[in-house]
Amino acid sequence: MAAGSVEPELVVDILGVALVHPYFWGSGPIGSEASYPDKKAHVDRLWSFVCPSNPDNDDPRVNPVVEGAPGLTSLGCQRVLINVAEKDILKDRGWAYYQALGRSGWMGVVEIQETEGEDHVFHLNDLHCQKSKDLIKNLAHFFNRKMPHFL
């Protein structure tokens, strides 16, 4: 999220970012990841396919909270919404990012929403189920509401 660290003449005012079932990962398991060895092995292999020049799962592009990653305080927006799904193996990484961003000193508003009983990108598999509709409504609300006055 380098938008906060660009040259002044290239500044774009990004009000908010929504991360829907973000693909964050790391080399060591956190949360419930170790409980799903087959899913973990699959996700471990994906990053080396996406980025063969640096297959390390602790690359800051896939693990933004790893030691040595760019600081989160310069995040180039005023608010962040993170959506995770209860059954998604990537869920705990979304929560870790939420917690790290909240502790970082970044001067924006961070929120997280977890959809119960669903897996990764469930909303793409069934666009018309109520939970998909709720997710879209929550995204619309997030982007359309006014920012708090203290920011």
C-alpha atoms as a PDB file:
ATOM      1  CA  MET A   1       0.000   0.000   0.000  1.00  0.00           C
ATOM      2  CA  ALA A   2       2.572   2.479  -1.164  1.00  0.00           C
ATOM      3  CA  ALA A   3       0.020   5.201  -1.907  1.00  0.00           C
ATOM      4  CA  GLY A   4       1.062   7.009   1.269  1.00  0.00           C
ATOM      5  CA  SER A   5       4.704   7.240   0.248  1.00  0.00           C
ATOM      6  CA  VAL A   6       4.569   8.687  -3.266  1.00  0.00           C
ATOM      7  CA  GLU A   7       6.063  11.919  -4.512  1.00  0.00           C
ATOM      8  CA  PRO A   8       3.995  14.976  -3.458  1.00  0.00           C
ATOM      9  CA  GLU A   9       3.055  15.944  -7.019  1.00  0.00           C
ATOM     10  CA  LEU A  10       1.588  12.466  -7.577  1.00  0.00           C
ATOM     11  CA  VAL A  11      -0.685  12.427  -4.528  1.00  0.00           C
ATOM     12  CA  VAL A  12      -4.110  10.858  -4.951  1.00  0.00           C
ATOM     13  CA  ASP A  13      -6.546  11.231  -2.068  1.00  0.00           C
ATOM     14  CA  ILE A  14      -7.606   7.651  -1.301  1.00  0.00           C
ATOM     15  CA  LEU A  15     -10.365   7.818   1.282  1.00  0.00           C
ATOM     16  CA  GLY A  16     -10.633   4.130   2.040  1.00  0.00           C
ATOM     17  CA  VAL A  17      -9.518   0.626   1.206  1.00  0.00           C
ATOM     18  CA  ALA A  18     -11.574  -2.547   1.547  1.00  0.00           C
ATOM     19  CA  LEU A  19      -9.711  -5.831   1.755  1.00  0.00           C
ATOM     20  CA  VAL A  20     -12.146  -8.657   1.038  1.00  0.00           C
ATOM     21  CA  HIS A  21     -10.702 -12.003   2.108  1.00  0.00           C
ATOM     22  CA  PRO A  22      -7.131 -10.703   1.722  1.00  0.00           C
ATOM     23  CA  TYR A  23      -4.377 -13.082   0.679  1.00  0.00           C
ATOM     24  CA  PHE A  24      -1.934 -12.547   3.535  1.00  0.00           C
ATOM     25  CA  TRP A  25       0.329 -15.410   4.509  1.00  0.00           C
ATOM     26  CA  GLY A  26       3.596 -16.245   6.269  1.00  0.00           C
ATOM     27  CA  SER A  27       6.050 -19.064   6.756  1.00  0.00           C
ATOM     28  CA  GLY A  28       5.018 -19.952  10.315  1.00  0.00           C
ATOM     29  CA  PRO A  29       1.410 -20.926  11.083  1.00  0.00           C
ATOM     30  CA  ILE A  30      -0.750 -18.666  13.256  1.00  0.00           C
ATOM     31  CA  GLY A  31      -4.208 -19.162  14.730  1.00  0.00           C
ATOM     32  CA  SER A  32      -6.002 -22.164  13.265  1.00  0.00           C
ATOM     33  CA  GLU A  33      -3.722 -22.598  10.204  1.00  0.00           C
ATOM     34  CA  ALA A  34      -1.921 -25.650  11.624  1.00  0.00           C
ATOM     35  CA  SER A  35      -5.289 -27.404  12.038  1.00  0.00           C
ATOM     36  CA  TYR A  36      -5.662 -27.638   8.246  1.00  0.00           C
ATOM     37  CA  PRO A  37      -2.386 -29.122   6.933  1.00  0.00           C
ATOM     38  CA  ASP A  38      -3.712 -29.797   3.408  1.00  0.00           C
ATOM     39  CA  LYS A  39      -5.043 -26.259   2.980  1.00  0.00           C
ATOM     40  CA  LYS A  40      -1.862 -24.829   4.507  1.00  0.00           C
ATOM     41  CA  ALA A  41       0.340 -26.801   2.099  1.00  0.00           C
ATOM     42  CA  HIS A  42      -1.740 -25.526  -0.830  1.00  0.00           C
ATOM     43  CA  VAL A  43      -1.458 -21.893   0.256  1.00  0.00           C
ATOM     44  CA  ASP A  44       2.269 -22.334   0.973  1.00  0.00           C
ATOM     45  CA  ARG A  45       2.774 -23.351  -2.687  1.00  0.00           C
ATOM     46  CA  LEU A  46       0.657 -20.539  -4.165  1.00  0.00           C
ATOM     47  CA  TRP A  47       3.031 -17.660  -3.412  1.00  0.00           C
ATOM     48  CA  SER A  48       5.972 -19.376  -5.141  1.00  0.00           C
ATOM     49  CA  PHE A  49       3.742 -19.671  -8.219  1.00  0.00           C
ATOM     50  CA  VAL A  50       2.639 -16.014  -8.014  1.00  0.00           C
ATOM     51  CA  CYS A  51       6.143 -14.704  -7.373  1.00  0.00           C
ATOM     52  CA  PRO A  52       8.789 -17.237  -8.462  1.00  0.00           C
ATOM     53  CA  SER A  53      11.565 -14.644  -8.110  1.00  0.00           C
ATOM     54  CA  ASN A  54      10.967 -14.548  -4.336  1.00  0.00           C
ATOM     55  CA  PRO A  55       9.069 -17.645  -3.197  1.00  0.00           C
ATOM     56  CA  ASP A  56       9.507 -16.851   0.526  1.00  0.00           C
ATOM     57  CA  ASN A  57       6.117 -16.710   2.269  1.00  0.00           C
ATOM     58  CA  ASP A  58       7.457 -13.906   4.446  1.00  0.00           C
ATOM     59  CA  ASP A  59       7.801 -11.529   1.516  1.00  0.00           C
ATOM     60  CA  PRO A  60       6.194  -8.221   2.661  1.00  0.00           C
ATOM     61  CA  ARG A  61       3.863  -8.309  -0.349  1.00  0.00           C
ATOM     62  CA  VAL A  62       2.148 -11.384   1.088  1.00  0.00           C
ATOM     63  CA  ASN A  63       3.054 -10.846   4.750  1.00  0.00           C
ATOM     64  CA  PRO A  64       2.717  -7.111   5.472  1.00  0.00           C
ATOM     65  CA  VAL A  65       3.338  -7.614   9.195  1.00  0.00           C
ATOM     66  CA  VAL A  66       6.626  -9.517   8.874  1.00  0.00           C
ATOM     67  CA  GLU A  67       9.699  -7.990  10.479  1.00  0.00           C
ATOM     68  CA  GLY A  68      11.336  -5.639   7.984  1.00  0.00           C
ATOM     69  CA  ALA A  69       8.124  -4.904   6.061  1.00  0.00           C
ATOM     70  CA  PRO A  70       7.389  -1.248   5.304  1.00  0.00           C
ATOM     71  CA  GLY A  71       5.752   0.491   8.254  1.00  0.00           C
ATOM     72  CA  LEU A  72       1.982   0.670   8.358  1.00  0.00           C
ATOM     73  CA  THR A  73       1.922   4.229   9.726  1.00  0.00           C
ATOM     74  CA  SER A  74       2.299   5.697   6.238  1.00  0.00           C
ATOM     75  CA  LEU A  75      -0.704   3.837   4.831  1.00  0.00           C
ATOM     76  CA  GLY A  76      -2.101   6.144   2.153  1.00  0.00           C
ATOM     77  CA  CYS A  77      -5.778   6.253   3.108  1.00  0.00           C
ATOM     78  CA  GLN A  78      -8.034   7.364   5.942  1.00  0.00           C
ATOM     79  CA  ARG A  79      -9.886   4.126   6.653  1.00  0.00           C
ATOM     80  CA  VAL A  80      -9.560   0.396   6.064  1.00  0.00           C
ATOM     81  CA  LEU A  81     -12.209  -2.304   6.152  1.00  0.00           C
ATOM     82  CA  ILE A  82     -11.035  -5.912   6.319  1.00  0.00           C
ATOM     83  CA  ASN A  83     -13.541  -8.673   5.545  1.00  0.00           C
ATOM     84  CA  VAL A  84     -12.712 -12.235   6.564  1.00  0.00           C
ATOM     85  CA  ALA A  85     -14.711 -15.471   6.443  1.00  0.00           C
ATOM     86  CA  GLU A  86     -14.933 -17.812   9.426  1.00  0.00           C
ATOM     87  CA  LYS A  87     -13.881 -20.975   7.539  1.00  0.00           C
ATOM     88  CA  ASP A  88     -11.156 -19.308   5.431  1.00  0.00           C
ATOM     89  CA  ILE A  89      -7.635 -20.514   6.248  1.00  0.00           C
ATOM     90  CA  LEU A  90      -6.479 -16.930   5.541  1.00  0.00           C
ATOM     91  CA  LYS A  91      -8.833 -15.499   8.203  1.00  0.00           C
ATOM     92  CA  ASP A  92      -6.268 -15.294  11.012  1.00  0.00           C
ATOM     93  CA  ARG A  93      -3.894 -13.315   8.771  1.00  0.00           C
ATOM     94  CA  GLY A  94      -6.652 -10.775   8.166  1.00  0.00           C
ATOM     95  CA  TRP A  95      -7.147 -10.478  11.923  1.00  0.00           C
ATOM     96  CA  ALA A  96      -3.368 -10.144  12.436  1.00  0.00           C
ATOM     97  CA  TYR A  97      -3.264  -7.301   9.893  1.00  0.00           C
ATOM     98  CA  TYR A  98      -6.210  -5.613  11.624  1.00  0.00           C
ATOM     99  CA  GLN A  99      -4.427  -5.802  14.985  1.00  0.00           C
ATOM    100  CA  ALA A 100      -1.076  -4.655  13.586  1.00  0.00           C
ATOM    101  CA  LEU A 101      -2.658  -1.706  11.802  1.00  0.00           C
ATOM    102  CA  GLY A 102      -4.527  -0.714  14.966  1.00  0.00           C
ATOM    103  CA  ARG A 103      -1.301  -0.796  17.020  1.00  0.00           C
ATOM    104  CA  SER A 104       0.890   0.858  14.389  1.00  0.00           C
ATOM    105  CA  GLY A 105       0.170   4.501  15.134  1.00  0.00           C
ATOM    106  CA  TRP A 106      -1.527   4.953  11.764  1.00  0.00           C
ATOM    107  CA  MET A 107      -3.970   7.847  12.087  1.00  0.00           C
ATOM    108  CA  GLY A 108      -6.921   6.239  10.302  1.00  0.00           C
ATOM    109  CA  VAL A 109      -9.895   4.075  11.200  1.00  0.00           C
ATOM    110  CA  VAL A 110      -9.586   0.303  10.803  1.00  0.00           C
ATOM    111  CA  GLU A 111     -12.551  -2.073  10.991  1.00  0.00           C
ATOM    112  CA  ILE A 112     -12.948  -5.799  10.550  1.00  0.00           C
ATOM    113  CA  GLN A 113     -16.009  -7.880   9.728  1.00  0.00           C
ATOM    114  CA  GLU A 114     -16.129 -11.668   9.891  1.00  0.00           C
ATOM    115  CA  THR A 115     -18.798 -13.634   8.038  1.00  0.00           C
ATOM    116  CA  GLU A 116     -19.851 -16.660  10.074  1.00  0.00           C
ATOM    117  CA  GLY A 117     -20.074 -20.096   8.507  1.00  0.00           C
ATOM    118  CA  GLU A 118     -18.473 -19.134   5.179  1.00  0.00           C
ATOM    119  CA  ASP A 119     -15.195 -19.856   3.387  1.00  0.00           C
ATOM    120  CA  HIS A 120     -12.836 -17.862   1.163  1.00  0.00           C
ATOM    121  CA  VAL A 121     -14.615 -15.767  -1.516  1.00  0.00           C
ATOM    122  CA  PHE A 122     -17.995 -17.376  -0.791  1.00  0.00           C
ATOM    123  CA  HIS A 123     -19.666 -14.288  -2.258  1.00  0.00           C
ATOM    124  CA  LEU A 124     -18.250 -15.082  -5.710  1.00  0.00           C
ATOM    125  CA  ASN A 125     -19.686 -18.595  -5.642  1.00  0.00           C
ATOM    126  CA  ASP A 126     -23.218 -17.510  -4.709  1.00  0.00           C
ATOM    127  CA  LEU A 127     -23.875 -13.863  -5.501  1.00  0.00           C
ATOM    128  CA  HIS A 128     -27.508 -14.061  -4.463  1.00  0.00           C
ATOM    129  CA  CYS A 129     -27.253 -15.609  -0.997  1.00  0.00           C
ATOM    130  CA  GLN A 130     -28.109 -13.313   1.906  1.00  0.00           C
ATOM    131  CA  LYS A 131     -24.544 -13.253   3.256  1.00  0.00           C
ATOM    132  CA  SER A 132     -23.227 -12.103  -0.145  1.00  0.00           C
ATOM    133  CA  LYS A 133     -25.828  -9.353  -0.245  1.00  0.00           C
ATOM    134  CA  ASP A 134     -24.917  -8.328   3.308  1.00  0.00           C
ATOM    135  CA  LEU A 135     -21.224  -8.164   2.399  1.00  0.00           C
ATOM    136  CA  ILE A 136     -21.963  -5.882  -0.569  1.00  0.00           C
ATOM    137  CA  LYS A 137     -24.221  -3.686   1.595  1.00  0.00           C
ATOM    138  CA  ASN A 138     -21.481  -3.388   4.215  1.00  0.00           C
ATOM    139  CA  LEU A 139     -18.949  -2.386   1.555  1.00  0.00           C
ATOM    140  CA  ALA A 140     -21.317   0.238   0.156  1.00  0.00           C
ATOM    141  CA  HIS A 141     -21.975   1.599   3.638  1.00  0.00           C
ATOM    142  CA  PHE A 142     -18.237   1.727   4.373  1.00  0.00           C
ATOM    143  CA  PHE A 143     -17.467   3.754   1.250  1.00  0.00           C
ATOM    144  CA  ASN A 144     -20.504   6.041   1.399  1.00  0.00           C
ATOM    145  CA  ARG A 145     -20.444   7.182   5.009  1.00  0.00           C
ATOM    146  CA  LYS A 146     -18.788  10.353   6.206  1.00  0.00           C
ATOM    147  CA  MET A 147     -15.470  10.203   8.009  1.00  0.00           C
ATOM    148  CA  PRO A 148     -15.313  11.087  11.704  1.00  0.00           C
ATOM    149  CA  HIS A 149     -14.430  14.731  12.317  1.00  0.00           C
ATOM    150  CA  PHE A 150     -11.257  13.949  14.272  1.00  0.00           C
ATOM    151  CA  LEU A 151      -9.403  12.768  11.136  1.00  0.00           C
END
